[in-house]
N, C-alpha and C. Protein backbone atom coordinates (compact mmCIF):
# COMPACT_ATOMS: atom_id res chain seq x y z
N MET A 1 137.59 68.64 172.54
CA MET A 1 136.98 67.37 172.73
C MET A 1 137.57 66.29 171.64
N ALA A 2 137.78 65.27 172.20
CA ALA A 2 138.29 63.95 171.51
C ALA A 2 137.18 63.47 170.46
N PRO A 3 137.63 62.93 169.44
CA PRO A 3 136.73 62.58 168.45
C PRO A 3 135.62 61.44 169.02
N ARG A 4 136.30 60.66 169.84
CA ARG A 4 135.29 59.55 170.61
C ARG A 4 134.53 60.21 171.44
N ALA A 5 134.73 61.11 172.00
CA ALA A 5 133.80 61.87 173.02
C ALA A 5 132.83 62.71 172.39
N ALA A 6 133.20 63.17 171.32
CA ALA A 6 132.20 64.04 170.44
C ALA A 6 131.24 62.95 169.85
N TRP A 7 131.72 61.77 169.40
CA TRP A 7 130.67 60.97 168.72
C TRP A 7 129.75 60.35 169.93
N ARG A 8 130.20 60.37 171.21
CA ARG A 8 129.31 59.64 172.18
C ARG A 8 128.25 60.80 172.52
N TYR A 9 128.76 62.09 172.56
CA TYR A 9 127.86 63.22 172.66
C TYR A 9 126.95 63.26 171.89
N ALA A 10 127.21 63.13 170.65
CA ALA A 10 126.24 63.30 169.33
C ALA A 10 125.18 62.09 169.44
N LEU A 11 125.87 61.01 169.82
CA LEU A 11 124.91 59.81 169.84
C LEU A 11 123.85 60.01 171.08
N GLY A 12 124.50 60.53 172.15
CA GLY A 12 123.51 60.77 173.19
C GLY A 12 122.34 61.67 173.00
N MET A 13 122.65 62.74 172.26
CA MET A 13 121.91 63.96 171.89
C MET A 13 120.90 63.15 170.93
N CYS A 14 121.32 62.31 169.80
CA CYS A 14 120.27 61.77 169.02
C CYS A 14 119.11 61.08 169.65
N LYS A 15 119.89 60.18 170.65
CA LYS A 15 119.04 59.27 171.42
C LYS A 15 117.90 59.95 172.26
N GLN A 16 118.51 61.15 172.80
CA GLN A 16 117.52 61.94 173.74
C GLN A 16 116.34 62.60 172.83
N THR A 17 116.90 63.28 171.48
CA THR A 17 115.99 63.71 170.68
C THR A 17 114.94 62.75 170.23
N PHE A 18 115.42 61.38 169.84
CA PHE A 18 114.66 60.32 169.23
C PHE A 18 113.66 60.05 170.43
N PHE A 19 113.98 59.88 171.57
CA PHE A 19 113.03 59.35 172.51
C PHE A 19 111.99 60.51 172.83
N THR A 20 112.54 61.89 172.81
CA THR A 20 111.61 62.99 172.96
C THR A 20 110.41 62.86 172.05
N ALA A 21 110.87 62.75 170.86
CA ALA A 21 109.99 62.99 169.99
C ALA A 21 109.12 61.66 169.87
N LEU A 22 109.73 60.53 170.06
CA LEU A 22 108.89 59.21 170.26
C LEU A 22 107.55 59.49 171.34
N LEU A 23 108.18 59.99 172.54
CA LEU A 23 107.32 60.26 173.70
C LEU A 23 105.94 61.18 173.26
N THR A 24 106.49 62.21 172.54
CA THR A 24 105.51 63.27 172.09
C THR A 24 104.63 62.63 171.11
N LEU A 25 105.10 61.86 170.31
CA LEU A 25 104.13 61.17 169.19
C LEU A 25 103.35 60.21 169.78
N SER A 26 103.68 59.44 170.79
CA SER A 26 102.80 58.36 171.63
C SER A 26 101.76 59.08 172.15
N VAL A 27 102.06 60.18 172.86
CA VAL A 27 101.18 60.90 173.70
C VAL A 27 100.06 61.39 172.71
N ALA A 28 100.63 61.88 171.67
CA ALA A 28 99.67 62.70 170.71
C ALA A 28 98.92 61.54 170.01
N VAL A 29 99.26 60.45 169.59
CA VAL A 29 98.48 59.37 169.26
C VAL A 29 97.37 58.85 170.10
N SER A 30 98.08 58.38 171.22
CA SER A 30 97.10 57.66 172.35
C SER A 30 96.16 58.28 172.83
N ALA A 31 96.14 59.69 173.05
CA ALA A 31 95.34 60.61 173.64
C ALA A 31 94.43 61.40 172.51
N PRO A 32 93.17 61.28 172.35
CA PRO A 32 92.53 62.02 171.34
C PRO A 32 92.37 63.58 171.93
N VAL A 33 92.42 64.38 170.97
CA VAL A 33 92.44 65.76 171.22
C VAL A 33 91.09 66.32 171.36
N PRO A 34 90.62 66.56 172.52
CA PRO A 34 89.14 67.02 172.61
C PRO A 34 88.92 68.54 172.01
N ALA A 35 90.02 69.33 171.81
CA ALA A 35 89.93 70.84 171.68
C ALA A 35 89.60 70.75 170.20
N ASP A 36 89.03 72.03 170.08
CA ASP A 36 88.54 72.30 168.57
C ASP A 36 89.52 73.17 168.06
N GLU A 37 90.46 73.82 168.76
CA GLU A 37 91.68 74.61 168.33
C GLU A 37 92.89 74.18 168.64
N ILE A 38 93.86 74.18 167.71
CA ILE A 38 95.34 73.87 168.19
C ILE A 38 96.24 74.88 167.60
N TYR A 39 97.22 75.14 168.51
CA TYR A 39 98.15 76.20 168.30
C TYR A 39 99.50 75.72 168.04
N ARG A 40 100.27 76.30 167.11
CA ARG A 40 101.62 75.88 166.90
C ARG A 40 102.67 77.19 167.12
N TRP A 41 103.78 76.92 167.88
CA TRP A 41 104.80 77.96 167.94
C TRP A 41 106.21 77.15 167.97
N VAL A 42 107.09 78.10 167.72
CA VAL A 42 108.53 77.67 167.57
C VAL A 42 109.17 78.19 168.89
N ASP A 43 109.86 77.71 169.76
CA ASP A 43 110.55 78.33 170.86
C ASP A 43 112.00 78.75 170.58
N GLY A 44 112.72 79.27 171.33
CA GLY A 44 113.88 79.88 171.02
C GLY A 44 115.20 79.08 170.58
N ASN A 45 115.02 77.96 170.86
CA ASN A 45 115.86 76.86 170.42
C ASN A 45 115.54 76.12 169.02
N GLY A 46 114.54 76.58 168.40
CA GLY A 46 113.99 76.29 166.98
C GLY A 46 113.03 74.92 167.35
N GLN A 47 112.73 74.57 168.42
CA GLN A 47 111.86 73.27 168.58
C GLN A 47 110.35 73.78 168.21
N VAL A 48 109.79 72.96 167.62
CA VAL A 48 108.26 73.08 167.24
C VAL A 48 107.50 72.57 168.45
N HIS A 49 106.35 73.30 168.93
CA HIS A 49 105.63 72.94 169.85
C HIS A 49 104.14 72.89 169.17
N TYR A 50 103.19 72.06 169.88
CA TYR A 50 101.74 72.18 169.73
C TYR A 50 101.01 72.27 170.88
N SER A 51 99.94 72.63 170.96
CA SER A 51 99.15 72.76 172.19
C SER A 51 97.67 73.40 171.76
N ASP A 52 96.77 73.02 172.77
CA ASP A 52 95.35 73.41 172.70
C ASP A 52 95.11 74.57 173.55
N VAL A 53 96.27 75.08 174.13
CA VAL A 53 96.26 76.35 174.85
C VAL A 53 96.93 77.50 173.94
N PRO A 54 96.35 78.57 173.79
CA PRO A 54 96.96 79.54 172.96
C PRO A 54 98.13 80.37 173.98
N ARG A 55 99.12 80.75 173.14
CA ARG A 55 100.25 81.45 173.93
C ARG A 55 100.68 82.64 172.93
N ASP A 56 101.65 83.59 173.41
CA ASP A 56 102.09 84.55 172.53
C ASP A 56 102.90 84.03 171.56
N GLY A 57 102.68 84.46 170.30
CA GLY A 57 103.49 84.15 169.05
C GLY A 57 103.07 82.81 168.48
N ALA A 58 101.94 82.06 169.08
CA ALA A 58 101.50 80.90 168.63
C ALA A 58 100.52 81.15 167.48
N GLU A 59 100.37 80.40 166.39
CA GLU A 59 99.50 80.50 165.16
C GLU A 59 98.40 79.45 165.31
N GLN A 60 97.21 79.56 165.09
CA GLN A 60 96.31 78.66 165.14
C GLN A 60 96.28 77.88 163.88
N ILE A 61 96.27 76.59 164.09
CA ILE A 61 96.19 75.77 162.86
C ILE A 61 94.57 74.90 162.61
N GLU A 62 94.20 75.12 161.44
CA GLU A 62 92.99 74.70 160.93
C GLU A 62 92.96 73.14 160.68
N LEU A 63 92.15 72.58 161.58
CA LEU A 63 92.19 70.87 161.65
C LEU A 63 90.82 70.45 160.58
N ASN A 64 91.12 69.56 159.75
CA ASN A 64 90.05 68.99 159.15
C ASN A 64 89.33 68.10 159.88
N PRO A 65 88.05 67.98 159.74
CA PRO A 65 87.16 67.32 160.54
C PRO A 65 87.71 65.80 160.45
N ALA A 66 87.52 65.11 161.49
CA ALA A 66 87.80 63.65 161.66
C ALA A 66 87.17 62.69 160.57
N GLN A 67 87.84 61.78 160.01
CA GLN A 67 87.23 61.14 158.99
C GLN A 67 86.55 59.92 159.74
N ALA A 68 85.33 59.75 159.44
CA ALA A 68 84.69 58.41 159.89
C ALA A 68 84.04 57.69 159.07
N PHE A 69 83.84 56.43 159.48
CA PHE A 69 83.37 55.36 158.61
C PHE A 69 82.42 54.55 159.27
N SER A 70 81.30 54.32 158.61
CA SER A 70 80.22 53.39 159.26
C SER A 70 80.02 52.12 158.22
N ALA A 71 80.32 51.07 158.38
CA ALA A 71 80.11 49.86 157.78
C ALA A 71 78.78 49.68 157.34
N PRO A 72 78.42 49.21 156.27
CA PRO A 72 77.00 48.75 155.99
C PRO A 72 76.66 47.35 156.76
N ALA A 73 75.28 47.50 156.98
CA ALA A 73 74.85 46.09 157.50
C ALA A 73 75.06 44.79 156.81
N VAL A 74 75.53 43.86 157.28
CA VAL A 74 75.62 42.59 156.50
C VAL A 74 74.48 41.83 156.59
N ALA A 75 74.05 41.58 155.20
CA ALA A 75 72.79 40.80 154.91
C ALA A 75 72.84 39.20 155.22
N ARG A 76 72.33 38.78 156.23
CA ARG A 76 72.23 37.48 156.71
C ARG A 76 71.33 36.62 155.66
N PRO A 77 72.14 35.62 155.07
CA PRO A 77 71.36 34.75 154.22
C PRO A 77 70.19 34.05 155.24
N ALA A 78 68.71 33.85 154.57
CA ALA A 78 67.87 33.24 155.29
C ALA A 78 68.17 31.73 155.17
N PRO A 79 67.65 30.94 156.22
CA PRO A 79 67.91 29.52 156.14
C PRO A 79 67.26 28.78 155.04
N ALA A 80 68.13 28.15 154.22
CA ALA A 80 67.28 27.44 153.12
C ALA A 80 66.63 26.19 153.65
N ALA A 81 65.42 26.07 152.91
CA ALA A 81 64.47 24.93 153.15
C ALA A 81 64.85 23.78 152.26
N ASN A 82 64.62 22.53 152.84
CA ASN A 82 64.88 21.33 151.84
C ASN A 82 66.19 21.31 151.37
N VAL A 83 67.25 21.62 152.01
CA VAL A 83 68.48 21.52 151.57
C VAL A 83 68.97 20.02 152.27
N PRO A 84 69.60 19.25 151.32
CA PRO A 84 70.10 17.88 152.09
C PRO A 84 71.12 18.17 153.05
N ALA A 85 71.09 17.31 153.89
CA ALA A 85 72.18 17.30 155.01
C ALA A 85 73.71 17.29 154.44
N ALA A 86 74.37 18.03 154.80
CA ALA A 86 75.93 18.02 154.65
C ALA A 86 76.37 16.47 154.70
N GLU A 87 77.12 15.86 153.81
CA GLU A 87 77.84 14.58 153.87
C GLU A 87 79.10 14.75 154.77
N PRO A 88 79.39 13.57 155.30
CA PRO A 88 80.55 13.68 156.01
C PRO A 88 81.94 14.16 155.07
N ALA A 89 82.82 14.47 155.67
CA ALA A 89 83.93 14.84 154.84
C ALA A 89 84.54 13.95 153.88
N GLU A 90 84.94 12.71 154.78
CA GLU A 90 85.44 11.65 154.26
C GLU A 90 84.41 10.44 154.06
N VAL A 91 83.83 10.43 152.94
CA VAL A 91 82.85 9.38 152.57
C VAL A 91 83.51 8.16 152.10
N TYR A 92 84.62 8.35 151.60
CA TYR A 92 85.47 7.29 150.69
C TYR A 92 86.79 7.16 151.25
N ALA A 93 87.12 5.81 151.78
CA ALA A 93 88.28 5.54 152.27
C ALA A 93 89.49 5.51 151.17
N ALA A 94 89.22 5.18 150.06
CA ALA A 94 90.09 5.08 149.01
C ALA A 94 89.24 4.89 147.49
N LEU A 95 90.31 5.61 146.52
CA LEU A 95 89.79 5.63 145.24
C LEU A 95 91.12 5.14 144.56
N GLU A 96 91.19 3.99 143.85
CA GLU A 96 92.38 3.57 143.26
C GLU A 96 92.05 3.07 141.87
N ILE A 97 93.12 3.42 141.05
CA ILE A 97 93.11 2.92 139.56
C ILE A 97 93.65 1.56 139.48
N VAL A 98 93.07 0.55 139.22
CA VAL A 98 93.66 -0.72 139.43
C VAL A 98 94.03 -1.26 138.03
N SER A 99 93.69 -0.79 136.92
CA SER A 99 94.25 -1.22 135.53
C SER A 99 93.96 0.25 134.75
N PRO A 100 95.13 0.50 133.97
CA PRO A 100 96.46 0.06 134.13
C PRO A 100 97.34 0.22 135.48
N THR A 101 98.28 -0.36 135.92
CA THR A 101 98.96 -0.25 136.94
C THR A 101 100.15 0.80 136.64
N GLN A 102 100.78 1.39 137.90
CA GLN A 102 101.65 2.50 137.79
C GLN A 102 102.75 1.93 136.91
N GLU A 103 103.25 2.62 135.98
CA GLU A 103 104.28 2.50 134.98
C GLU A 103 104.44 1.10 134.35
N GLU A 104 103.22 0.57 134.09
CA GLU A 104 103.00 -0.56 133.31
C GLU A 104 103.14 -0.26 131.85
N THR A 105 103.80 -1.26 131.13
CA THR A 105 104.01 -1.33 129.69
C THR A 105 102.94 -2.14 128.89
N ILE A 106 102.29 -1.89 128.48
CA ILE A 106 101.29 -2.72 127.51
C ILE A 106 101.36 -2.80 125.99
N TRP A 107 101.42 -3.99 125.70
CA TRP A 107 101.98 -4.12 124.34
C TRP A 107 100.78 -4.66 123.33
N ASN A 108 100.88 -4.26 122.04
CA ASN A 108 99.93 -5.03 121.09
C ASN A 108 98.47 -5.14 121.31
N THR A 109 97.80 -4.31 121.78
CA THR A 109 96.31 -4.47 122.08
C THR A 109 95.36 -3.93 121.02
N GLY A 110 96.17 -3.48 119.90
CA GLY A 110 95.37 -2.89 118.96
C GLY A 110 94.79 -1.39 119.37
N GLY A 111 95.41 -0.88 120.26
CA GLY A 111 94.93 0.39 120.55
C GLY A 111 93.84 0.54 121.51
N ILE A 112 93.41 -0.53 122.12
CA ILE A 112 92.22 -0.67 123.06
C ILE A 112 92.84 -1.01 124.36
N ILE A 113 92.45 -0.43 125.33
CA ILE A 113 92.81 -0.36 126.80
C ILE A 113 91.77 -0.10 127.66
N THR A 114 91.54 -1.23 128.76
CA THR A 114 90.53 -1.05 129.55
C THR A 114 91.05 -0.56 131.01
N VAL A 115 90.34 0.41 131.39
CA VAL A 115 90.74 1.46 132.62
C VAL A 115 89.68 0.95 133.69
N SER A 116 90.10 0.48 134.89
CA SER A 116 89.34 0.16 135.94
C SER A 116 89.80 0.72 137.18
N VAL A 117 88.73 1.33 137.83
CA VAL A 117 89.05 1.97 139.19
C VAL A 117 88.16 1.28 140.14
N SER A 118 88.74 1.51 141.36
CA SER A 118 87.92 0.80 142.66
C SER A 118 87.89 1.72 143.85
N PRO A 119 86.58 2.04 144.02
CA PRO A 119 86.28 3.14 145.28
C PRO A 119 85.96 2.07 146.32
N GLU A 120 86.37 2.69 147.45
CA GLU A 120 86.09 1.84 148.65
C GLU A 120 85.36 2.75 149.78
N PRO A 121 84.31 2.71 150.32
CA PRO A 121 83.36 1.73 149.78
C PRO A 121 82.80 1.98 148.33
N ALA A 122 81.94 1.01 148.01
CA ALA A 122 81.21 1.37 146.78
C ALA A 122 80.43 2.56 146.40
N LEU A 123 80.46 3.10 145.18
CA LEU A 123 79.78 4.53 144.90
C LEU A 123 78.52 4.68 145.64
N LYS A 124 78.37 5.65 146.31
CA LYS A 124 76.93 5.89 147.08
C LYS A 124 75.90 6.42 146.10
N PRO A 125 74.62 6.45 146.46
CA PRO A 125 73.64 6.62 145.41
C PRO A 125 73.65 8.25 145.14
N GLY A 126 73.70 8.42 143.93
CA GLY A 126 73.96 10.00 143.68
C GLY A 126 75.16 10.51 143.16
N HIS A 127 76.26 9.81 143.71
CA HIS A 127 77.78 10.00 143.40
C HIS A 127 77.98 9.44 141.91
N SER A 128 79.05 9.96 141.40
CA SER A 128 79.44 9.67 140.23
C SER A 128 80.87 9.59 140.08
N LEU A 129 81.30 9.11 138.86
CA LEU A 129 82.79 8.93 138.69
C LEU A 129 83.33 9.53 137.40
N ASN A 130 84.25 10.42 137.57
CA ASN A 130 85.01 10.94 136.42
C ASN A 130 86.32 10.48 136.20
N ILE A 131 86.68 9.87 134.85
CA ILE A 131 87.87 9.23 134.51
C ILE A 131 88.51 10.14 133.34
N TYR A 132 89.71 10.32 133.61
CA TYR A 132 90.69 11.20 132.65
C TYR A 132 91.86 10.49 132.07
N TYR A 133 91.76 10.79 130.84
CA TYR A 133 92.92 10.05 130.04
C TYR A 133 93.79 11.23 129.36
N ASP A 134 95.11 11.28 129.68
CA ASP A 134 95.95 12.38 129.40
C ASP A 134 95.03 13.73 129.53
N GLY A 135 94.48 13.81 130.56
CA GLY A 135 93.92 15.26 131.00
C GLY A 135 92.59 15.62 130.20
N ARG A 136 92.05 14.64 129.40
CA ARG A 136 90.83 14.66 128.64
C ARG A 136 89.85 13.94 129.62
N LEU A 137 88.69 14.23 129.86
CA LEU A 137 87.45 13.71 130.41
C LEU A 137 87.00 12.56 129.43
N ILE A 138 86.97 11.41 129.87
CA ILE A 138 86.39 10.44 128.80
C ILE A 138 85.29 9.63 129.43
N ALA A 139 85.14 9.58 130.74
CA ALA A 139 84.03 9.01 131.29
C ALA A 139 83.39 10.03 132.17
N ALA A 140 82.30 10.71 131.77
CA ALA A 140 81.90 11.87 132.73
C ALA A 140 80.60 11.26 133.41
N LYS A 141 80.83 11.44 134.71
CA LYS A 141 79.68 11.17 135.69
C LYS A 141 79.03 9.80 135.44
N ALA A 142 79.94 8.72 135.37
CA ALA A 142 79.32 7.47 135.13
C ALA A 142 78.78 6.97 136.34
N PRO A 143 77.32 6.82 136.38
CA PRO A 143 76.49 6.73 137.70
C PRO A 143 77.14 5.31 138.60
N ARG A 144 77.41 4.35 137.92
CA ARG A 144 77.81 3.05 138.68
C ARG A 144 78.81 2.27 137.91
N ALA A 145 79.25 2.64 136.75
CA ALA A 145 80.23 2.14 136.19
C ALA A 145 81.93 2.30 136.88
N THR A 146 82.68 1.35 136.89
CA THR A 146 83.90 1.68 137.51
C THR A 146 84.87 1.24 136.51
N SER A 147 84.59 0.99 135.19
CA SER A 147 85.68 0.72 134.08
C SER A 147 85.01 1.26 132.93
N VAL A 148 86.15 1.66 132.12
CA VAL A 148 85.88 2.20 130.68
C VAL A 148 86.95 1.78 129.78
N GLN A 149 86.27 1.38 128.41
CA GLN A 149 87.35 1.14 127.48
C GLN A 149 87.83 2.14 126.61
N LEU A 150 89.20 2.26 126.47
CA LEU A 150 89.85 3.42 125.77
C LEU A 150 90.04 2.69 124.36
N SER A 151 89.89 3.49 123.37
CA SER A 151 90.29 3.09 121.92
C SER A 151 91.17 4.17 121.26
N GLU A 152 91.66 3.48 120.21
CA GLU A 152 92.75 4.45 119.65
C GLU A 152 93.84 5.06 120.57
N VAL A 153 94.36 4.30 121.39
CA VAL A 153 95.51 4.58 122.35
C VAL A 153 96.75 4.31 121.25
N TYR A 154 97.46 5.47 121.24
CA TYR A 154 98.73 5.57 120.46
C TYR A 154 99.97 5.19 121.18
N ARG A 155 101.01 4.97 120.63
CA ARG A 155 102.27 4.72 121.11
C ARG A 155 102.79 5.82 122.17
N GLY A 156 103.21 5.31 123.36
CA GLY A 156 103.95 6.53 124.13
C GLY A 156 103.50 6.35 125.56
N GLU A 157 103.82 7.50 126.10
CA GLU A 157 103.40 7.57 127.71
C GLU A 157 102.03 8.19 127.69
N HIS A 158 101.27 7.50 128.66
CA HIS A 158 99.86 8.32 129.02
C HIS A 158 99.49 8.33 130.49
N ARG A 159 98.59 9.06 130.77
CA ARG A 159 98.22 9.25 132.30
C ARG A 159 96.60 9.02 132.43
N ILE A 160 96.40 8.40 133.35
CA ILE A 160 95.08 8.07 133.74
C ILE A 160 94.87 8.87 135.12
N SER A 161 93.71 9.50 135.48
CA SER A 161 93.28 9.83 136.80
C SER A 161 91.77 9.68 136.85
N ALA A 162 91.30 9.77 138.02
CA ALA A 162 89.94 9.68 138.34
C ALA A 162 89.53 10.50 139.73
N GLU A 163 88.03 10.62 139.63
CA GLU A 163 87.60 11.57 140.94
C GLU A 163 86.34 10.96 141.00
N ILE A 164 85.71 11.11 142.32
CA ILE A 164 84.50 10.90 142.73
C ILE A 164 83.67 12.05 142.91
N LEU A 165 82.50 12.27 142.28
CA LEU A 165 81.88 13.47 142.63
C LEU A 165 80.56 13.14 143.48
N ASP A 166 80.23 14.31 144.45
CA ASP A 166 78.99 14.07 145.21
C ASP A 166 77.79 14.48 144.50
N VAL A 167 76.57 14.48 145.23
CA VAL A 167 75.40 14.82 144.54
C VAL A 167 75.41 16.36 144.01
N ASN A 168 76.25 17.15 144.58
CA ASN A 168 76.50 18.63 143.97
C ASN A 168 77.38 18.81 143.05
N GLY A 169 78.03 17.64 142.68
CA GLY A 169 79.13 17.72 141.65
C GLY A 169 80.55 18.29 142.26
N ARG A 170 80.71 18.18 143.44
CA ARG A 170 81.88 18.57 144.01
C ARG A 170 82.84 17.38 144.03
N ALA A 171 84.11 17.42 143.86
CA ALA A 171 84.82 16.29 144.07
C ALA A 171 85.34 15.82 145.36
N VAL A 172 84.98 14.64 145.80
CA VAL A 172 85.08 14.22 147.22
C VAL A 172 86.39 13.24 147.50
N LYS A 173 86.70 12.59 146.30
CA LYS A 173 88.05 11.74 146.33
C LYS A 173 88.55 11.78 145.09
N GLN A 174 89.79 11.74 145.10
CA GLN A 174 90.62 11.74 143.82
C GLN A 174 91.60 10.46 144.10
N ALA A 175 91.78 9.71 142.99
CA ALA A 175 92.77 8.79 142.87
C ALA A 175 94.24 9.21 142.64
N GLN A 176 95.24 8.61 142.86
CA GLN A 176 96.49 8.72 142.45
C GLN A 176 96.56 8.55 141.10
N PRO A 177 97.10 9.53 140.22
CA PRO A 177 97.30 9.28 138.81
C PRO A 177 98.20 8.13 138.60
N VAL A 178 98.01 7.46 137.52
CA VAL A 178 98.63 6.28 137.08
C VAL A 178 99.23 6.77 135.53
N THR A 179 100.44 6.61 135.52
CA THR A 179 101.28 6.62 134.37
C THR A 179 101.50 5.30 133.52
N PHE A 180 101.05 5.07 132.45
CA PHE A 180 101.38 3.84 131.57
C PHE A 180 101.98 3.96 130.35
N PHE A 181 102.61 3.14 129.76
CA PHE A 181 103.21 3.31 128.59
C PHE A 181 102.56 2.15 127.49
N TYR A 182 102.26 2.72 126.34
CA TYR A 182 101.71 1.70 125.33
C TYR A 182 102.65 1.57 124.25
N LYS A 183 102.96 0.24 123.69
CA LYS A 183 103.90 0.00 122.71
C LYS A 183 102.91 -0.91 121.62
N GLN A 184 103.36 -0.73 120.52
CA GLN A 184 102.73 -1.57 119.52
C GLN A 184 103.85 -1.92 118.44
N THR A 185 103.91 -3.23 118.15
CA THR A 185 104.83 -3.62 117.15
C THR A 185 104.52 -3.39 115.91
N SER A 186 105.50 -2.71 115.09
CA SER A 186 105.20 -2.36 113.69
C SER A 186 105.99 -3.34 112.64
N VAL A 187 105.85 -2.98 111.52
CA VAL A 187 106.62 -3.66 110.41
C VAL A 187 108.00 -3.27 110.48
N ARG A 188 108.20 -1.85 110.64
CA ARG A 188 109.47 -1.34 110.67
C ARG A 188 110.24 -1.64 111.83
N ASN A 189 109.70 -1.77 113.05
CA ASN A 189 110.31 -2.30 114.31
C ASN A 189 110.40 -3.57 114.64
């Protein structure tokens, strides 16, 4: 037999064996075995067989009981009384930091800078505003104020951010952060 013919023959046998095994496995998996006893035997070609019907030379296989699982009942929360109605997802069209402006350079203010924000529309009753300076909260939950004065601002690059909180303390709108630069003239410079 030529090498190429031998290779085709071997490939054909592998495919046939693979598809036979695949067919046997799919039948075994898709059809539950109702029998209490399973038998195993090997034929004259060395092929292993399984069946629920006994035959000469077959050995009985002990099967473990099928594993079962029952999920516990899910507790449903009782409806809460006097819960305020959920607010619309978008109650503010905009929240903008108006002062300082993006990449603004501020000179010689003695380390004092006013930060102003503008919500659109105005803050709703029960809502509050948080303002952050370089990641630190500087104006926590100011109920109606939309500006705050920073003191002891040192030279360099700084970042301001702001957010509006609803009555439950969840952030409902965040402003685009603003980076600004503060410079102070000194005797040396």
